[in-house]
Amino acid sequence: MKKLFVGNLPFTVTEERVRELFTEFGEIQSVTIPTDRETGKSRGFAFVEMTNDDDAEKAIAGVNGKREGGRALNVNEARPKEAGGGGGGHRGGGRGGYRY
């Protein structure tokens, strides 16, 4: 299974629309669109987990640079968040243990 980072999404994008963008390339395990804790609005990016690594590579090639809502999407493999990333308290960093 491979987790993809999808950046530069319109803030109005839905999970259903993200699924539509990736379904043609293979089976999707999950889609997560992080939201701002205070406003509940999308943060402009998503994570897509695909069950097959080859399909994930095809999805990166097929969706990266594609325009959605007037914005060119940025798609690449999500990298695990590095341990001990500094900073104090609950500030910064993405949710789900992945950085973008």
C-alpha atoms as a PDB file:
ATOM      1  CA  MET A   1       0.000   0.000   0.000  1.00  0.00           C
ATOM      2  CA  LYS A   2       1.274   3.475  -0.859  1.00  0.00           C
ATOM      3  CA  LYS A   3       0.174   6.788   0.605  1.00  0.00           C
ATOM      4  CA  LEU A   4       0.098   9.798  -1.715  1.00  0.00           C
ATOM      5  CA  PHE A   5       0.113  13.481  -0.850  1.00  0.00           C
ATOM      6  CA  VAL A   6      -2.168  15.635  -3.025  1.00  0.00           C
ATOM      7  CA  GLY A   7      -1.415  19.330  -2.666  1.00  0.00           C
ATOM      8  CA  ASN A   8      -2.812  22.586  -4.036  1.00  0.00           C
ATOM      9  CA  LEU A   9      -6.399  21.330  -3.863  1.00  0.00           C
ATOM     10  CA  PRO A  10      -9.232  23.853  -3.983  1.00  0.00           C
ATOM     11  CA  PHE A  11     -10.509  24.432  -0.444  1.00  0.00           C
ATOM     12  CA  THR A  12     -13.978  23.315  -1.572  1.00  0.00           C
ATOM     13  CA  VAL A  13     -12.906  19.874  -2.848  1.00  0.00           C
ATOM     14  CA  THR A  14     -14.772  16.858  -1.489  1.00  0.00           C
ATOM     15  CA  GLU A  15     -13.582  13.357  -0.667  1.00  0.00           C
ATOM     16  CA  GLU A  16     -15.824  12.079  -3.453  1.00  0.00           C
ATOM     17  CA  ARG A  17     -14.107  14.325  -6.019  1.00  0.00           C
ATOM     18  CA  VAL A  18     -10.637  13.244  -4.879  1.00  0.00           C
ATOM     19  CA  ARG A  19     -11.728   9.614  -5.263  1.00  0.00           C
ATOM     20  CA  GLU A  20     -12.955  10.365  -8.802  1.00  0.00           C
ATOM     21  CA  LEU A  21      -9.540  11.786  -9.716  1.00  0.00           C
ATOM     22  CA  PHE A  22      -7.707   8.632  -8.614  1.00  0.00           C
ATOM     23  CA  THR A  23     -10.151   5.760  -9.246  1.00  0.00           C
ATOM     24  CA  GLU A  24      -9.183   5.336 -12.907  1.00  0.00           C
ATOM     25  CA  PHE A  25      -5.662   4.371 -11.812  1.00  0.00           C
ATOM     26  CA  GLY A  26      -6.573   1.637  -9.326  1.00  0.00           C
ATOM     27  CA  GLU A  27      -8.200   0.688  -6.050  1.00  0.00           C
ATOM     28  CA  ILE A  28      -8.252   3.320  -3.334  1.00  0.00           C
ATOM     29  CA  GLN A  29      -7.979   2.251   0.296  1.00  0.00           C
ATOM     30  CA  SER A  30      -8.769   5.655   1.813  1.00  0.00           C
ATOM     31  CA  VAL A  31      -8.955   9.406   1.229  1.00  0.00           C
ATOM     32  CA  THR A  32      -8.276  11.897   4.014  1.00  0.00           C
ATOM     33  CA  ILE A  33      -8.750  15.653   3.674  1.00  0.00           C
ATOM     34  CA  PRO A  34      -7.324  17.361   6.773  1.00  0.00           C
ATOM     35  CA  THR A  35      -9.319  20.305   8.082  1.00  0.00           C
ATOM     36  CA  ASP A  36      -8.469  23.312  10.191  1.00  0.00           C
ATOM     37  CA  ARG A  37      -9.381  22.650  13.830  1.00  0.00           C
ATOM     38  CA  GLU A  38     -10.874  26.086  14.384  1.00  0.00           C
ATOM     39  CA  THR A  39     -12.790  26.646  11.137  1.00  0.00           C
ATOM     40  CA  GLY A  40     -13.431  23.072  10.012  1.00  0.00           C
ATOM     41  CA  LYS A  41     -12.453  24.073   6.457  1.00  0.00           C
ATOM     42  CA  SER A  42     -10.143  22.069   4.211  1.00  0.00           C
ATOM     43  CA  ARG A  43      -6.443  22.858   4.516  1.00  0.00           C
ATOM     44  CA  GLY A  44      -5.996  22.494   0.741  1.00  0.00           C
ATOM     45  CA  PHE A  45      -4.408  19.058   0.621  1.00  0.00           C
ATOM     46  CA  ALA A  46      -5.325  15.400   0.959  1.00  0.00           C
ATOM     47  CA  PHE A  47      -3.822  11.978   1.465  1.00  0.00           C
ATOM     48  CA  VAL A  48      -4.845   9.097  -0.794  1.00  0.00           C
ATOM     49  CA  GLU A  49      -3.911   5.514   0.111  1.00  0.00           C
ATOM     50  CA  MET A  50      -3.802   3.166  -2.861  1.00  0.00           C
ATOM     51  CA  THR A  51      -3.682  -0.604  -2.389  1.00  0.00           C
ATOM     52  CA  ASN A  52      -1.209  -1.282  -5.221  1.00  0.00           C
ATOM     53  CA  ASP A  53       2.182   0.452  -5.508  1.00  0.00           C
ATOM     54  CA  ASP A  54       2.240   0.269  -9.323  1.00  0.00           C
ATOM     55  CA  ASP A  55      -1.210   1.862  -9.500  1.00  0.00           C
ATOM     56  CA  ALA A  56      -0.038   4.584  -7.113  1.00  0.00           C
ATOM     57  CA  GLU A  57       2.882   5.389  -9.431  1.00  0.00           C
ATOM     58  CA  LYS A  58       0.484   5.585 -12.376  1.00  0.00           C
ATOM     59  CA  ALA A  59      -1.778   7.885 -10.361  1.00  0.00           C
ATOM     60  CA  ILE A  60       1.135  10.198  -9.524  1.00  0.00           C
ATOM     61  CA  ALA A  61       2.008  10.440 -13.238  1.00  0.00           C
ATOM     62  CA  GLY A  62      -1.630  10.849 -14.282  1.00  0.00           C
ATOM     63  CA  VAL A  63      -2.886  13.356 -11.707  1.00  0.00           C
ATOM     64  CA  ASN A  64       0.219  15.452 -10.940  1.00  0.00           C
ATOM     65  CA  GLY A  65      -0.174  18.781 -12.739  1.00  0.00           C
ATOM     66  CA  LYS A  66      -3.827  18.132 -13.593  1.00  0.00           C
ATOM     67  CA  ARG A  67      -6.004  21.202 -13.096  1.00  0.00           C
ATOM     68  CA  GLU A  68      -8.823  21.111 -10.556  1.00  0.00           C
ATOM     69  CA  GLY A  69     -10.823  24.212  -9.725  1.00  0.00           C
ATOM     70  CA  GLY A  70      -8.299  26.360 -11.603  1.00  0.00           C
ATOM     71  CA  ARG A  71      -5.339  24.960  -9.652  1.00  0.00           C
ATOM     72  CA  ALA A  72      -2.563  22.626 -10.811  1.00  0.00           C
ATOM     73  CA  LEU A  73      -2.429  19.666  -8.433  1.00  0.00           C
ATOM     74  CA  ASN A  74       0.826  18.534  -6.831  1.00  0.00           C
ATOM     75  CA  VAL A  75       0.906  14.749  -6.291  1.00  0.00           C
ATOM     76  CA  ASN A  76       3.776  12.736  -4.848  1.00  0.00           C
ATOM     77  CA  GLU A  77       4.450   9.935  -2.417  1.00  0.00           C
ATOM     78  CA  ALA A  78       3.808  10.974   1.182  1.00  0.00           C
ATOM     79  CA  ARG A  79       6.875  10.659   3.367  1.00  0.00           C
ATOM     80  CA  PRO A  80       6.663   9.611   7.013  1.00  0.00           C
ATOM     81  CA  LYS A  81       7.004  12.499   9.429  1.00  0.00           C
ATOM     82  CA  GLU A  82      10.477  12.615  10.925  1.00  0.00           C
ATOM     83  CA  ALA A  83      10.713  11.925  14.653  1.00  0.00           C
ATOM     84  CA  GLY A  84      11.792  14.679  17.032  1.00  0.00           C
ATOM     85  CA  GLY A  85      10.852  17.465  14.662  1.00  0.00           C
ATOM     86  CA  GLY A  86      11.491  20.228  17.193  1.00  0.00           C
ATOM     87  CA  GLY A  87       9.015  22.928  18.098  1.00  0.00           C
ATOM     88  CA  GLY A  88       6.978  22.991  21.231  1.00  0.00           C
ATOM     89  CA  GLY A  89       3.467  22.186  22.233  1.00  0.00           C
ATOM     90  CA  HIS A  90       0.879  21.307  19.633  1.00  0.00           C
ATOM     91  CA  ARG A  91       2.021  23.677  16.910  1.00  0.00           C
ATOM     92  CA  GLY A  92       2.772  22.791  13.297  1.00  0.00           C
ATOM     93  CA  GLY A  93       3.097  19.475  11.551  1.00  0.00           C
ATOM     94  CA  GLY A  94       0.515  17.538   9.612  1.00  0.00           C
ATOM     95  CA  ARG A  95      -1.844  15.019  11.084  1.00  0.00           C
ATOM     96  CA  GLY A  96      -1.588  11.306  10.507  1.00  0.00           C
ATOM     97  CA  GLY A  97       2.166  11.078  10.979  1.00  0.00           C
ATOM     98  CA  TYR A  98       2.985  12.270   7.470  1.00  0.00           C
ATOM     99  CA  ARG A  99       4.695  15.434   6.344  1.00  0.00           C
ATOM    100  CA  TYR A 100       4.179  17.190   3.068  1.00  0.00           C
END
